[in-house]
Amino acid sequence: MMPLSMAKTGETVTIRKITGKDEVRQHLAELGFVVDAAVTVVNEIAGNLILQVKDSRVALDRGLANRIMI
C-alpha cells in the first residue's frame, strides 16, 4: 500500500484504507472517498491533487491525500 499522493496523473487507483481521526474519515467518506472506490488523478498542482471520484471532481491537499492508502 502507498498513499494516494504517490499516484501519477491520469492513473486510476482503488482505495484500500483510510487513516486518521473519525472526523477526518467521515469527511472523506462524505466526499466519496470510501474503501474499494475507484479514484482517478486528474491533475497535480503544487502537491495538491485534483481527483475524479464517482461523478465529481474533488481537490485535496497533500495532507489529506496522504491519509488515503491505495
N, C-alpha and C. Protein backbone atom coordinates (compact mmCIF):
# COMPACT_ATOMS: atom_id res chain seq x y z
N MET A 1 0.84 -1.19 0.00
CA MET A 1 0.00 0.00 0.00
C MET A 1 0.88 1.25 0.00
N MET A 2 0.36 2.29 -0.62
CA MET A 2 1.04 3.58 -0.63
C MET A 2 -0.01 4.68 -0.56
N PRO A 3 0.39 5.90 -0.15
CA PRO A 3 -0.59 6.98 -0.07
C PRO A 3 -1.03 7.45 -1.46
N LEU A 4 -2.23 7.99 -1.53
CA LEU A 4 -2.80 8.49 -2.79
C LEU A 4 -1.91 9.57 -3.40
N SER A 5 -1.20 10.32 -2.57
CA SER A 5 -0.35 11.39 -3.08
C SER A 5 0.78 10.87 -3.96
N MET A 6 1.06 9.57 -3.93
CA MET A 6 2.12 8.97 -4.75
C MET A 6 1.61 8.56 -6.13
N ALA A 7 0.29 8.58 -6.35
CA ALA A 7 -0.26 8.19 -7.65
C ALA A 7 0.09 9.23 -8.71
N LYS A 8 0.25 8.76 -9.94
CA LYS A 8 0.62 9.65 -11.03
C LYS A 8 -0.62 10.22 -11.73
N THR A 9 -0.46 11.35 -12.39
CA THR A 9 -1.55 11.98 -13.13
C THR A 9 -2.07 11.03 -14.20
N GLY A 10 -3.40 10.89 -14.27
CA GLY A 10 -4.03 10.01 -15.25
C GLY A 10 -4.24 8.59 -14.75
N GLU A 11 -3.66 8.25 -13.62
CA GLU A 11 -3.75 6.90 -13.07
C GLU A 11 -5.08 6.72 -12.32
N THR A 12 -5.71 5.56 -12.52
CA THR A 12 -6.91 5.21 -11.77
C THR A 12 -6.53 4.15 -10.75
N VAL A 13 -6.85 4.42 -9.49
CA VAL A 13 -6.47 3.53 -8.40
C VAL A 13 -7.69 3.18 -7.55
N THR A 14 -7.54 2.17 -6.71
CA THR A 14 -8.62 1.74 -5.81
C THR A 14 -8.19 2.02 -4.37
N ILE A 15 -9.08 2.61 -3.61
CA ILE A 15 -8.79 2.92 -2.20
C ILE A 15 -8.81 1.62 -1.40
N ARG A 16 -7.76 1.40 -0.62
CA ARG A 16 -7.65 0.20 0.22
C ARG A 16 -7.91 0.48 1.69
N LYS A 17 -7.54 1.69 2.16
CA LYS A 17 -7.67 2.00 3.59
C LYS A 17 -7.64 3.51 3.75
N ILE A 18 -8.35 4.02 4.75
CA ILE A 18 -8.32 5.45 5.08
C ILE A 18 -7.94 5.58 6.55
N THR A 19 -6.88 6.36 6.79
CA THR A 19 -6.38 6.52 8.15
C THR A 19 -6.78 7.89 8.69
N GLY A 20 -6.54 8.09 9.98
CA GLY A 20 -6.83 9.38 10.60
C GLY A 20 -7.94 9.29 11.63
N LYS A 21 -8.26 10.44 12.20
CA LYS A 21 -9.31 10.52 13.20
C LYS A 21 -10.68 10.25 12.57
N ASP A 22 -11.66 9.92 13.41
CA ASP A 22 -13.01 9.63 12.92
C ASP A 22 -13.58 10.79 12.11
N GLU A 23 -13.32 12.03 12.56
CA GLU A 23 -13.87 13.20 11.86
C GLU A 23 -13.29 13.30 10.45
N VAL A 24 -12.00 13.04 10.32
CA VAL A 24 -11.34 13.11 9.02
C VAL A 24 -11.88 12.02 8.10
N ARG A 25 -12.00 10.80 8.62
CA ARG A 25 -12.51 9.68 7.80
C ARG A 25 -13.96 9.94 7.38
N GLN A 26 -14.75 10.51 8.27
CA GLN A 26 -16.15 10.83 7.95
C GLN A 26 -16.22 11.88 6.86
N HIS A 27 -15.39 12.91 6.96
CA HIS A 27 -15.36 13.98 5.96
C HIS A 27 -14.99 13.41 4.59
N LEU A 28 -13.96 12.57 4.54
CA LEU A 28 -13.55 11.97 3.27
C LEU A 28 -14.64 11.06 2.71
N ALA A 29 -15.34 10.33 3.59
CA ALA A 29 -16.43 9.46 3.14
C ALA A 29 -17.56 10.28 2.53
N GLU A 30 -17.84 11.45 3.10
CA GLU A 30 -18.89 12.32 2.55
C GLU A 30 -18.51 12.85 1.17
N LEU A 31 -17.20 12.97 0.91
CA LEU A 31 -16.73 13.41 -0.40
C LEU A 31 -16.69 12.26 -1.41
N GLY A 32 -16.90 11.03 -0.95
CA GLY A 32 -16.91 9.87 -1.85
C GLY A 32 -15.69 8.99 -1.73
N PHE A 33 -14.77 9.32 -0.82
CA PHE A 33 -13.56 8.51 -0.64
C PHE A 33 -13.85 7.40 0.37
N VAL A 34 -14.25 6.25 -0.14
CA VAL A 34 -14.56 5.09 0.70
C VAL A 34 -13.73 3.90 0.19
N VAL A 35 -13.55 2.91 1.04
CA VAL A 35 -12.77 1.73 0.67
C VAL A 35 -13.40 1.06 -0.55
N ASP A 36 -12.56 0.62 -1.47
CA ASP A 36 -12.92 -0.05 -2.73
C ASP A 36 -13.46 0.90 -3.80
N ALA A 37 -13.45 2.21 -3.54
CA ALA A 37 -13.88 3.17 -4.56
C ALA A 37 -12.73 3.42 -5.53
N ALA A 38 -13.08 3.63 -6.81
CA ALA A 38 -12.07 3.96 -7.82
C ALA A 38 -11.88 5.47 -7.85
N VAL A 39 -10.62 5.88 -7.89
CA VAL A 39 -10.27 7.30 -7.91
C VAL A 39 -9.27 7.52 -9.05
N THR A 40 -9.51 8.56 -9.84
CA THR A 40 -8.58 8.91 -10.92
C THR A 40 -7.92 10.24 -10.60
N VAL A 41 -6.60 10.28 -10.73
CA VAL A 41 -5.85 11.52 -10.52
C VAL A 41 -5.94 12.34 -11.81
N VAL A 42 -6.63 13.47 -11.75
CA VAL A 42 -6.81 14.32 -12.92
C VAL A 42 -5.61 15.23 -13.11
N ASN A 43 -5.14 15.84 -12.01
CA ASN A 43 -4.04 16.78 -12.11
C ASN A 43 -3.39 16.94 -10.75
N GLU A 44 -2.15 17.43 -10.75
CA GLU A 44 -1.45 17.74 -9.50
C GLU A 44 -0.86 19.14 -9.64
N ILE A 45 -1.22 20.01 -8.70
CA ILE A 45 -0.74 21.38 -8.72
C ILE A 45 -0.14 21.70 -7.35
N ALA A 46 1.16 21.93 -7.33
CA ALA A 46 1.88 22.29 -6.10
C ALA A 46 1.62 21.29 -4.97
N GLY A 47 1.55 20.02 -5.30
CA GLY A 47 1.34 18.99 -4.28
C GLY A 47 -0.12 18.71 -3.98
N ASN A 48 -1.02 19.58 -4.42
CA ASN A 48 -2.45 19.35 -4.22
C ASN A 48 -2.98 18.53 -5.40
N LEU A 49 -3.94 17.65 -5.13
CA LEU A 49 -4.44 16.75 -6.16
C LEU A 49 -5.86 17.11 -6.57
N ILE A 50 -6.12 17.05 -7.87
CA ILE A 50 -7.49 17.13 -8.40
C ILE A 50 -7.86 15.69 -8.73
N LEU A 51 -8.93 15.20 -8.12
CA LEU A 51 -9.30 13.79 -8.24
C LEU A 51 -10.71 13.64 -8.78
N GLN A 52 -10.90 12.61 -9.59
CA GLN A 52 -12.23 12.24 -10.09
C GLN A 52 -12.73 11.10 -9.22
N VAL A 53 -13.81 11.36 -8.48
CA VAL A 53 -14.42 10.34 -7.62
C VAL A 53 -15.88 10.23 -8.02
N LYS A 54 -16.27 9.04 -8.45
CA LYS A 54 -17.62 8.84 -8.96
C LYS A 54 -17.89 9.86 -10.06
N ASP A 55 -18.88 10.73 -9.93
CA ASP A 55 -19.19 11.69 -10.99
C ASP A 55 -18.75 13.11 -10.67
N SER A 56 -17.85 13.28 -9.70
CA SER A 56 -17.44 14.63 -9.34
C SER A 56 -15.93 14.73 -9.23
N ARG A 57 -15.45 15.97 -9.35
CA ARG A 57 -14.03 16.24 -9.18
C ARG A 57 -13.84 16.93 -7.84
N VAL A 58 -12.82 16.48 -7.11
CA VAL A 58 -12.56 16.99 -5.77
C VAL A 58 -11.09 17.36 -5.68
N ALA A 59 -10.79 18.48 -5.04
CA ALA A 59 -9.40 18.87 -4.79
C ALA A 59 -9.04 18.51 -3.36
N LEU A 60 -7.90 17.85 -3.18
CA LEU A 60 -7.41 17.50 -1.85
C LEU A 60 -5.99 18.01 -1.68
N ASP A 61 -5.67 18.49 -0.48
CA ASP A 61 -4.29 18.87 -0.22
C ASP A 61 -3.48 17.61 0.08
N ARG A 62 -2.17 17.77 0.09
CA ARG A 62 -1.28 16.62 0.27
C ARG A 62 -1.53 15.92 1.61
N GLY A 63 -1.86 16.68 2.65
CA GLY A 63 -2.10 16.08 3.97
C GLY A 63 -3.24 15.08 3.96
N LEU A 64 -4.35 15.45 3.34
CA LEU A 64 -5.49 14.53 3.25
C LEU A 64 -5.20 13.38 2.29
N ALA A 65 -4.51 13.67 1.20
CA ALA A 65 -4.18 12.61 0.23
C ALA A 65 -3.27 11.56 0.87
N ASN A 66 -2.43 11.98 1.81
CA ASN A 66 -1.54 11.03 2.49
C ASN A 66 -2.30 10.09 3.42
N ARG A 67 -3.53 10.44 3.80
CA ARG A 67 -4.34 9.59 4.68
C ARG A 67 -5.08 8.50 3.92
N ILE A 68 -5.14 8.64 2.61
CA ILE A 68 -5.85 7.66 1.77
C ILE A 68 -4.83 6.70 1.19
N MET A 69 -4.94 5.43 1.55
CA MET A 69 -4.00 4.40 1.09
C MET A 69 -4.57 3.66 -0.11
N ILE A 70 -3.71 3.45 -1.11
CA ILE A 70 -4.14 2.75 -2.33
C ILE A 70 -3.33 1.48 -2.51
